[in-house]
All heavy atoms as atom14 arrays in JSON, in Angstrom:
{
  "sequence": "AASAIIALIAAVMIGWWFIRLVWTSPHSVTRYFRARKRDR",
  "atom14_mask": [
    [1, 1, 1, 1, 1, 0, 0, 0, 0, 0, 0, 0, 0, 0],
    [1, 1, 1, 1, 1, 0, 0, 0, 0, 0, 0, 0, 0, 0],
    [1, 1, 1, 1, 1, 1, 0, 0, 0, 0, 0, 0, 0, 0],
    [1, 1, 1, 1, 1, 0, 0, 0, 0, 0, 0, 0, 0, 0],
    [1, 1, 1, 1, 1, 1, 1, 1, 0, 0, 0, 0, 0, 0],
    [1, 1, 1, 1, 1, 1, 1, 1, 0, 0, 0, 0, 0, 0],
    [1, 1, 1, 1, 1, 0, 0, 0, 0, 0, 0, 0, 0, 0],
    [1, 1, 1, 1, 1, 1, 1, 1, 0, 0, 0, 0, 0, 0],
    [1, 1, 1, 1, 1, 1, 1, 1, 0, 0, 0, 0, 0, 0],
    [1, 1, 1, 1, 1, 0, 0, 0, 0, 0, 0, 0, 0, 0],
    [1, 1, 1, 1, 1, 0, 0, 0, 0, 0, 0, 0, 0, 0],
    [1, 1, 1, 1, 1, 1, 1, 0, 0, 0, 0, 0, 0, 0],
    [1, 1, 1, 1, 1, 1, 1, 1, 0, 0, 0, 0, 0, 0],
    [1, 1, 1, 1, 1, 1, 1, 1, 0, 0, 0, 0, 0, 0],
    [1, 1, 1, 1, 0, 0, 0, 0, 0, 0, 0, 0, 0, 0],
    [1, 1, 1, 1, 1, 1, 1, 1, 1, 1, 1, 1, 1, 1],
    [1, 1, 1, 1, 1, 1, 1, 1, 1, 1, 1, 1, 1, 1],
    [1, 1, 1, 1, 1, 1, 1, 1, 1, 1, 1, 0, 0, 0],
    [1, 1, 1, 1, 1, 1, 1, 1, 0, 0, 0, 0, 0, 0],
    [1, 1, 1, 1, 1, 1, 1, 1, 1, 1, 1, 0, 0, 0],
    [1, 1, 1, 1, 1, 1, 1, 1, 0, 0, 0, 0, 0, 0],
    [1, 1, 1, 1, 1, 1, 1, 0, 0, 0, 0, 0, 0, 0],
    [1, 1, 1, 1, 1, 1, 1, 1, 1, 1, 1, 1, 1, 1],
    [1, 1, 1, 1, 1, 1, 1, 0, 0, 0, 0, 0, 0, 0],
    [1, 1, 1, 1, 1, 1, 0, 0, 0, 0, 0, 0, 0, 0],
    [1, 1, 1, 1, 1, 1, 1, 0, 0, 0, 0, 0, 0, 0],
    [1, 1, 1, 1, 1, 1, 1, 1, 1, 1, 0, 0, 0, 0],
    [1, 1, 1, 1, 1, 1, 0, 0, 0, 0, 0, 0, 0, 0],
    [1, 1, 1, 1, 1, 1, 1, 0, 0, 0, 0, 0, 0, 0],
    [1, 1, 1, 1, 1, 1, 1, 0, 0, 0, 0, 0, 0, 0],
    [1, 1, 1, 1, 1, 1, 1, 1, 1, 1, 1, 0, 0, 0],
    [1, 1, 1, 1, 1, 1, 1, 1, 1, 1, 1, 1, 0, 0],
    [1, 1, 1, 1, 1, 1, 1, 1, 1, 1, 1, 0, 0, 0],
    [1, 1, 1, 1, 1, 1, 1, 1, 1, 1, 1, 0, 0, 0],
    [1, 1, 1, 1, 1, 0, 0, 0, 0, 0, 0, 0, 0, 0],
    [1, 1, 1, 1, 1, 1, 1, 1, 1, 1, 1, 0, 0, 0],
    [1, 1, 1, 1, 1, 1, 1, 1, 1, 0, 0, 0, 0, 0],
    [1, 1, 1, 1, 1, 1, 1, 1, 1, 1, 1, 0, 0, 0],
    [1, 1, 1, 1, 1, 1, 1, 1, 0, 0, 0, 0, 0, 0],
    [1, 1, 1, 1, 1, 1, 1, 1, 1, 1, 1, 0, 0, 0]
  ],
  "atom14_positions": [
    [[168.84, 97.67, 162.61], [168.19, 98.95, 162.95], [167.71, 99.67, 161.7], [166.61, 100.24, 161.67], [169.17, 99.81, 163.74], [0.0, 0.0, 0.0], [0.0, 0.0, 0.0], [0.0, 0.0, 0.0], [0.0, 0.0, 0.0], [0.0, 0.0, 0.0], [0.0, 0.0, 0.0], [0.0, 0.0, 0.0], [0.0, 0.0, 0.0], [0.0, 0.0, 0.0]],
    [[168.52, 99.67, 160.64], [168.12, 100.33, 159.38], [166.89, 99.65, 158.79], [165.95, 100.31, 158.33], [169.28, 100.33, 158.4], [0.0, 0.0, 0.0], [0.0, 0.0, 0.0], [0.0, 0.0, 0.0], [0.0, 0.0, 0.0], [0.0, 0.0, 0.0], [0.0, 0.0, 0.0], [0.0, 0.0, 0.0], [0.0, 0.0, 0.0], [0.0, 0.0, 0.0]],
    [[166.89, 98.32, 158.84], [165.74, 97.59, 158.3], [164.48, 97.88, 159.1], [163.38, 98.02, 158.56], [166.04, 96.08, 158.29], [167.16, 95.8, 157.49], [0.0, 0.0, 0.0], [0.0, 0.0, 0.0], [0.0, 0.0, 0.0], [0.0, 0.0, 0.0], [0.0, 0.0, 0.0], [0.0, 0.0, 0.0], [0.0, 0.0, 0.0], [0.0, 0.0, 0.0]],
    [[164.63, 97.99, 160.44], [163.46, 98.28, 161.28], [162.91, 99.66, 161.0], [161.68, 99.87, 160.95], [163.87, 98.13, 162.74], [0.0, 0.0, 0.0], [0.0, 0.0, 0.0], [0.0, 0.0, 0.0], [0.0, 0.0, 0.0], [0.0, 0.0, 0.0], [0.0, 0.0, 0.0], [0.0, 0.0, 0.0], [0.0, 0.0, 0.0], [0.0, 0.0, 0.0]],
    [[163.78, 100.61, 160.77], [163.31, 101.97, 160.47], [162.55, 102.0, 159.15], [161.48, 102.61, 159.04], [164.5, 102.93, 160.43], [165.09, 103.08, 161.84], [164.08, 104.29, 159.89], [166.38, 103.89, 161.88], [0.0, 0.0, 0.0], [0.0, 0.0, 0.0], [0.0, 0.0, 0.0], [0.0, 0.0, 0.0], [0.0, 0.0, 0.0], [0.0, 0.0, 0.0]],
    [[163.07, 101.33, 158.15], [162.39, 101.28, 156.85], [161.05, 100.59, 156.98], [160.05, 101.02, 156.41], [163.3, 100.59, 155.82], [164.54, 101.46, 155.56], [162.54, 100.35, 154.52], [165.56, 100.8, 154.64], [0.0, 0.0, 0.0], [0.0, 0.0, 0.0], [0.0, 0.0, 0.0], [0.0, 0.0, 0.0], [0.0, 0.0, 0.0], [0.0, 0.0, 0.0]],
    [[160.99, 99.48, 157.74], [159.72, 98.77, 157.91], [158.72, 99.64, 158.64], [157.51, 99.62, 158.35], [159.97, 97.47, 158.68], [0.0, 0.0, 0.0], [0.0, 0.0, 0.0], [0.0, 0.0, 0.0], [0.0, 0.0, 0.0], [0.0, 0.0, 0.0], [0.0, 0.0, 0.0], [0.0, 0.0, 0.0], [0.0, 0.0, 0.0], [0.0, 0.0, 0.0]],
    [[159.2, 100.42, 159.6], [158.29, 101.31, 160.31], [157.71, 102.37, 159.39], [156.51, 102.66, 159.45], [159.05, 101.96, 161.48], [158.23, 102.95, 162.33], [157.07, 102.21, 163.0], [159.13, 103.6, 163.38], [0.0, 0.0, 0.0], [0.0, 0.0, 0.0], [0.0, 0.0, 0.0], [0.0, 0.0, 0.0], [0.0, 0.0, 0.0], [0.0, 0.0, 0.0]],
    [[158.54, 102.92, 158.54], [158.05, 103.93, 157.59], [157.02, 103.33, 156.65], [155.97, 103.93, 156.37], [159.23, 104.52, 156.8], [160.15, 105.32, 157.75], [158.74, 105.4, 155.66], [161.41, 105.81, 157.08], [0.0, 0.0, 0.0], [0.0, 0.0, 0.0], [0.0, 0.0, 0.0], [0.0, 0.0, 0.0], [0.0, 0.0, 0.0], [0.0, 0.0, 0.0]],
    [[157.26, 102.12, 156.19], [156.32, 101.44, 155.3], [155.0, 101.18, 156.01], [153.92, 101.34, 155.44], [156.94, 100.15, 154.78], [0.0, 0.0, 0.0], [0.0, 0.0, 0.0], [0.0, 0.0, 0.0], [0.0, 0.0, 0.0], [0.0, 0.0, 0.0], [0.0, 0.0, 0.0], [0.0, 0.0, 0.0], [0.0, 0.0, 0.0], [0.0, 0.0, 0.0]],
    [[155.07, 100.77, 157.26], [153.83, 100.5, 158.0], [153.02, 101.76, 158.19], [151.78, 101.76, 158.09], [154.17, 99.86, 159.34], [0.0, 0.0, 0.0], [0.0, 0.0, 0.0], [0.0, 0.0, 0.0], [0.0, 0.0, 0.0], [0.0, 0.0, 0.0], [0.0, 0.0, 0.0], [0.0, 0.0, 0.0], [0.0, 0.0, 0.0], [0.0, 0.0, 0.0]],
    [[153.7, 102.86, 158.46], [152.99, 104.14, 158.62], [152.29, 104.54, 157.32], [151.15, 105.0, 157.32], [153.97, 105.22, 159.1], [153.31, 106.6, 159.06], [154.45, 104.9, 160.52], [0.0, 0.0, 0.0], [0.0, 0.0, 0.0], [0.0, 0.0, 0.0], [0.0, 0.0, 0.0], [0.0, 0.0, 0.0], [0.0, 0.0, 0.0], [0.0, 0.0, 0.0]],
    [[152.97, 104.38, 156.21], [152.37, 104.74, 154.91], [151.16, 103.87, 154.6], [150.12, 104.37, 154.14], [153.41, 104.61, 153.8], [154.56, 105.62, 153.92], [155.81, 105.42, 152.64], [154.83, 105.75, 151.19], [0.0, 0.0, 0.0], [0.0, 0.0, 0.0], [0.0, 0.0, 0.0], [0.0, 0.0, 0.0], [0.0, 0.0, 0.0], [0.0, 0.0, 0.0]],
    [[151.29, 102.56, 154.87], [150.16, 101.67, 154.6], [148.98, 102.01, 155.5], [147.82, 102.03, 155.09], [150.59, 100.2, 154.79], [151.6, 99.83, 153.71], [149.39, 99.28, 154.74], [152.21, 98.44, 153.89], [0.0, 0.0, 0.0], [0.0, 0.0, 0.0], [0.0, 0.0, 0.0], [0.0, 0.0, 0.0], [0.0, 0.0, 0.0], [0.0, 0.0, 0.0]],
    [[149.25, 102.33, 156.74], [148.17, 102.7, 157.64], [147.48, 103.97, 157.21], [146.25, 104.09, 157.26], [0.0, 0.0, 0.0], [0.0, 0.0, 0.0], [0.0, 0.0, 0.0], [0.0, 0.0, 0.0], [0.0, 0.0, 0.0], [0.0, 0.0, 0.0], [0.0, 0.0, 0.0], [0.0, 0.0, 0.0], [0.0, 0.0, 0.0], [0.0, 0.0, 0.0]],
    [[148.27, 104.97, 156.79], [147.67, 106.22, 156.32], [146.81, 106.01, 155.08], [145.74, 106.61, 154.95], [148.78, 107.23, 156.06], [148.29, 108.5, 155.42], [148.42, 108.88, 154.15], [147.52, 109.5, 156.07], [147.81, 110.09, 153.94], [147.25, 110.48, 155.13], [147.06, 109.64, 157.42], [146.52, 111.64, 155.45], [146.35, 110.79, 157.71], [146.08, 111.78, 156.73]],
    [[147.28, 105.12, 154.19], [146.49, 104.84, 152.99], [145.16, 104.2, 153.34], [144.11, 104.54, 152.77], [147.28, 103.93, 152.05], [146.46, 103.43, 150.89], [146.17, 104.09, 149.74], [145.82, 102.17, 150.79], [145.37, 103.33, 148.94], [145.15, 102.13, 149.56], [145.76, 101.05, 151.65], [144.41, 101.02, 149.15], [145.02, 99.95, 151.24], [144.35, 99.95, 150.0]],
    [[145.19, 103.26, 154.32], [143.97, 102.58, 154.69], [142.99, 103.55, 155.36], [141.78, 103.53, 155.08], [144.3, 101.42, 155.64], [143.11, 100.64, 156.07], [142.51, 99.72, 155.22], [142.58, 100.81, 157.35], [141.4, 99.01, 155.63], [141.47, 100.09, 157.75], [140.87, 99.19, 156.9], [0.0, 0.0, 0.0], [0.0, 0.0, 0.0], [0.0, 0.0, 0.0]],
    [[143.51, 104.43, 156.23], [142.62, 105.41, 156.89], [141.99, 106.34, 155.85], [140.81, 106.66, 155.91], [143.4, 106.18, 157.95], [143.83, 105.24, 159.09], [142.58, 107.33, 158.51], [144.78, 105.89, 160.08], [0.0, 0.0, 0.0], [0.0, 0.0, 0.0], [0.0, 0.0, 0.0], [0.0, 0.0, 0.0], [0.0, 0.0, 0.0], [0.0, 0.0, 0.0]],
    [[142.8, 106.77, 154.89], [142.3, 107.68, 153.84], [141.27, 106.99, 152.96], [140.28, 107.6, 152.54], [143.48, 108.15, 153.0], [143.12, 109.22, 151.98], [144.4, 109.82, 151.43], [144.11, 110.81, 150.41], [144.06, 110.53, 149.11], [144.3, 109.29, 148.7], [143.78, 111.48, 148.26], [0.0, 0.0, 0.0], [0.0, 0.0, 0.0], [0.0, 0.0, 0.0]],
    [[141.47, 105.71, 152.68], [140.51, 104.96, 151.87], [139.17, 104.87, 152.58], [138.11, 105.04, 151.96], [141.07, 103.56, 151.59], [140.17, 102.62, 150.81], [139.92, 103.16, 149.4], [140.78, 101.22, 150.72], [0.0, 0.0, 0.0], [0.0, 0.0, 0.0], [0.0, 0.0, 0.0], [0.0, 0.0, 0.0], [0.0, 0.0, 0.0], [0.0, 0.0, 0.0]],
    [[139.21, 104.58, 153.88], [137.95, 104.48, 154.63], [137.27, 105.84, 154.71], [136.03, 105.96, 154.6], [138.22, 103.9, 156.03], [136.94, 103.93, 156.87], [138.75, 102.47, 155.93], [0.0, 0.0, 0.0], [0.0, 0.0, 0.0], [0.0, 0.0, 0.0], [0.0, 0.0, 0.0], [0.0, 0.0, 0.0], [0.0, 0.0, 0.0], [0.0, 0.0, 0.0]],
    [[138.05, 106.88, 154.85], [137.48, 108.22, 154.99], [136.81, 108.7, 153.69], [135.77, 109.35, 153.74], [138.58, 109.18, 155.42], [138.12, 110.58, 155.65], [138.15, 111.61, 154.77], [137.51, 111.06, 156.82], [137.61, 112.74, 155.32], [137.2, 112.41, 156.6], [137.18, 110.47, 158.08], [136.59, 113.21, 157.59], [136.6, 111.27, 159.03], [136.29, 112.62, 158.79]],
    [[137.41, 108.39, 152.56], [136.88, 108.86, 151.27], [136.02, 107.82, 150.56], [135.68, 108.02, 149.38], [138.04, 109.26, 150.34], [138.89, 108.12, 150.12], [138.84, 110.41, 150.93], [0.0, 0.0, 0.0], [0.0, 0.0, 0.0], [0.0, 0.0, 0.0], [0.0, 0.0, 0.0], [0.0, 0.0, 0.0], [0.0, 0.0, 0.0], [0.0, 0.0, 0.0]],
    [[135.72, 106.75, 151.19], [134.95, 105.69, 150.52], [133.56, 106.15, 150.06], [133.12, 105.76, 148.96], [134.85, 104.47, 151.42], [134.21, 104.8, 152.64], [0.0, 0.0, 0.0], [0.0, 0.0, 0.0], [0.0, 0.0, 0.0], [0.0, 0.0, 0.0], [0.0, 0.0, 0.0], [0.0, 0.0, 0.0], [0.0, 0.0, 0.0], [0.0, 0.0, 0.0]],
    [[132.8, 106.96, 150.8], [131.49, 107.39, 150.28], [131.6, 108.17, 148.96], [130.83, 107.94, 148.03], [130.94, 108.25, 151.43], [131.65, 107.78, 152.64], [133.02, 107.41, 152.19], [0.0, 0.0, 0.0], [0.0, 0.0, 0.0], [0.0, 0.0, 0.0], [0.0, 0.0, 0.0], [0.0, 0.0, 0.0], [0.0, 0.0, 0.0], [0.0, 0.0, 0.0]],
    [[132.58, 109.07, 148.93], [132.74, 109.84, 147.68], [133.19, 108.95, 146.53], [132.74, 109.11, 145.38], [133.76, 110.94, 147.92], [134.05, 111.75, 146.69], [133.13, 112.61, 146.12], [135.17, 111.8, 145.91], [133.66, 113.18, 145.06], [134.9, 112.7, 144.89], [0.0, 0.0, 0.0], [0.0, 0.0, 0.0], [0.0, 0.0, 0.0], [0.0, 0.0, 0.0]],
    [[134.04, 108.0, 146.84], [134.51, 107.09, 145.79], [133.37, 106.24, 145.24], [133.27, 106.0, 144.03], [135.62, 106.19, 146.33], [136.71, 106.96, 146.77], [0.0, 0.0, 0.0], [0.0, 0.0, 0.0], [0.0, 0.0, 0.0], [0.0, 0.0, 0.0], [0.0, 0.0, 0.0], [0.0, 0.0, 0.0], [0.0, 0.0, 0.0], [0.0, 0.0, 0.0]],
    [[132.53, 105.77, 146.14], [131.39, 104.96, 145.69], [130.44, 105.79, 144.84], [129.97, 105.36, 143.77], [130.66, 104.36, 146.91], [129.38, 103.68, 146.47], [131.58, 103.37, 147.63], [0.0, 0.0, 0.0], [0.0, 0.0, 0.0], [0.0, 0.0, 0.0], [0.0, 0.0, 0.0], [0.0, 0.0, 0.0], [0.0, 0.0, 0.0], [0.0, 0.0, 0.0]],
    [[130.21, 107.03, 145.28], [129.33, 107.91, 144.49], [129.92, 108.19, 143.11], [129.22, 108.17, 142.09], [129.11, 109.22, 145.24], [128.58, 108.94, 146.54], [128.16, 110.12, 144.48], [0.0, 0.0, 0.0], [0.0, 0.0, 0.0], [0.0, 0.0, 0.0], [0.0, 0.0, 0.0], [0.0, 0.0, 0.0], [0.0, 0.0, 0.0], [0.0, 0.0, 0.0]],
    [[131.22, 108.44, 143.08], [131.87, 108.73, 141.8], [131.83, 107.5, 140.89], [131.67, 107.63, 139.67], [133.3, 109.16, 142.05], [134.04, 109.59, 140.8], [135.38, 110.17, 141.16], [136.17, 109.18, 141.9], [137.4, 109.43, 142.39], [137.92, 110.63, 142.26], [138.04, 108.48, 143.06], [0.0, 0.0, 0.0], [0.0, 0.0, 0.0], [0.0, 0.0, 0.0]],
    [[131.96, 106.33, 141.46], [131.92, 105.12, 140.65], [130.56, 104.96, 139.97], [130.48, 104.69, 138.77], [132.22, 103.91, 141.53], [131.92, 102.59, 140.86], [132.75, 102.07, 139.89], [130.76, 101.87, 141.21], [132.47, 100.86, 139.28], [130.47, 100.66, 140.6], [131.32, 100.16, 139.63], [131.03, 98.99, 139.02], [0.0, 0.0, 0.0], [0.0, 0.0, 0.0]],
    [[129.5, 105.11, 140.76], [128.16, 104.96, 140.17], [127.84, 106.09, 139.18], [127.16, 105.88, 138.19], [127.1, 104.9, 141.29], [127.08, 103.58, 142.0], [127.58, 103.46, 143.31], [126.56, 102.46, 141.39], [127.55, 102.24, 143.97], [126.51, 101.24, 142.06], [127.03, 101.14, 143.35], [0.0, 0.0, 0.0], [0.0, 0.0, 0.0], [0.0, 0.0, 0.0]],
    [[128.39, 107.3, 139.46], [128.16, 108.4, 138.53], [128.87, 108.13, 137.2], [128.3, 108.38, 136.13], [128.67, 109.69, 139.15], [128.37, 110.92, 138.3], [129.0, 112.14, 138.93], [128.47, 112.33, 140.29], [129.12, 112.95, 141.26], [130.36, 113.4, 141.03], [128.58, 113.1, 142.45], [0.0, 0.0, 0.0], [0.0, 0.0, 0.0], [0.0, 0.0, 0.0]],
    [[130.09, 107.63, 137.25], [130.81, 107.3, 136.03], [130.12, 106.18, 135.26], [130.03, 106.21, 134.02], [132.26, 106.9, 136.36], [0.0, 0.0, 0.0], [0.0, 0.0, 0.0], [0.0, 0.0, 0.0], [0.0, 0.0, 0.0], [0.0, 0.0, 0.0], [0.0, 0.0, 0.0], [0.0, 0.0, 0.0], [0.0, 0.0, 0.0], [0.0, 0.0, 0.0]],
    [[129.6, 105.23, 135.99], [128.87, 104.15, 135.32], [127.62, 104.67, 134.65], [127.3, 104.28, 133.52], [128.53, 103.08, 136.36], [127.84, 101.87, 135.77], [127.5, 100.86, 136.86], [126.79, 99.72, 136.32], [126.27, 98.74, 137.04], [126.42, 98.76, 138.37], [125.63, 97.74, 136.46], [0.0, 0.0, 0.0], [0.0, 0.0, 0.0], [0.0, 0.0, 0.0]],
    [[126.92, 105.59, 135.31], [125.72, 106.18, 134.73], [126.07, 107.02, 133.49], [125.36, 106.97, 132.47], [125.02, 107.04, 135.78], [123.74, 107.7, 135.32], [123.14, 108.52, 136.45], [121.85, 109.19, 136.02], [121.27, 110.02, 137.11], [0.0, 0.0, 0.0], [0.0, 0.0, 0.0], [0.0, 0.0, 0.0], [0.0, 0.0, 0.0], [0.0, 0.0, 0.0]],
    [[127.16, 107.76, 133.59], [127.58, 108.57, 132.45], [127.95, 107.68, 131.25], [127.62, 107.99, 130.11], [128.75, 109.45, 132.84], [129.17, 110.4, 131.73], [130.31, 111.31, 132.16], [131.52, 110.55, 132.47], [132.02, 110.39, 133.68], [131.42, 110.95, 134.73], [133.13, 109.69, 133.88], [0.0, 0.0, 0.0], [0.0, 0.0, 0.0], [0.0, 0.0, 0.0]],
    [[128.64, 106.59, 131.55], [129.01, 105.68, 130.47], [127.77, 105.1, 129.79], [127.72, 104.96, 128.56], [129.88, 104.55, 131.01], [131.24, 105.05, 131.47], [131.62, 106.17, 131.05], [131.9, 104.35, 132.26], [0.0, 0.0, 0.0], [0.0, 0.0, 0.0], [0.0, 0.0, 0.0], [0.0, 0.0, 0.0], [0.0, 0.0, 0.0], [0.0, 0.0, 0.0]],
    [[126.76, 104.76, 130.6], [125.52, 104.25, 130.01], [124.83, 105.33, 129.18], [124.27, 105.06, 128.11], [124.59, 103.76, 131.12], [125.06, 102.5, 131.83], [124.22, 102.22, 133.05], [122.79, 102.15, 132.73], [121.81, 102.27, 133.6], [122.12, 102.52, 134.89], [120.57, 102.16, 133.23], [0.0, 0.0, 0.0], [0.0, 0.0, 0.0], [0.0, 0.0, 0.0]]
  ]
}
């Protein structure tokens, strides 16, 4: 039971990270190209 609870918490965290990544991906892509342009 303890192991199942810990695995559930880990799955929730991974899912939240994936949802957040998809949600902020446009800004991240824009920031990446802006940083590359600034470096150039």
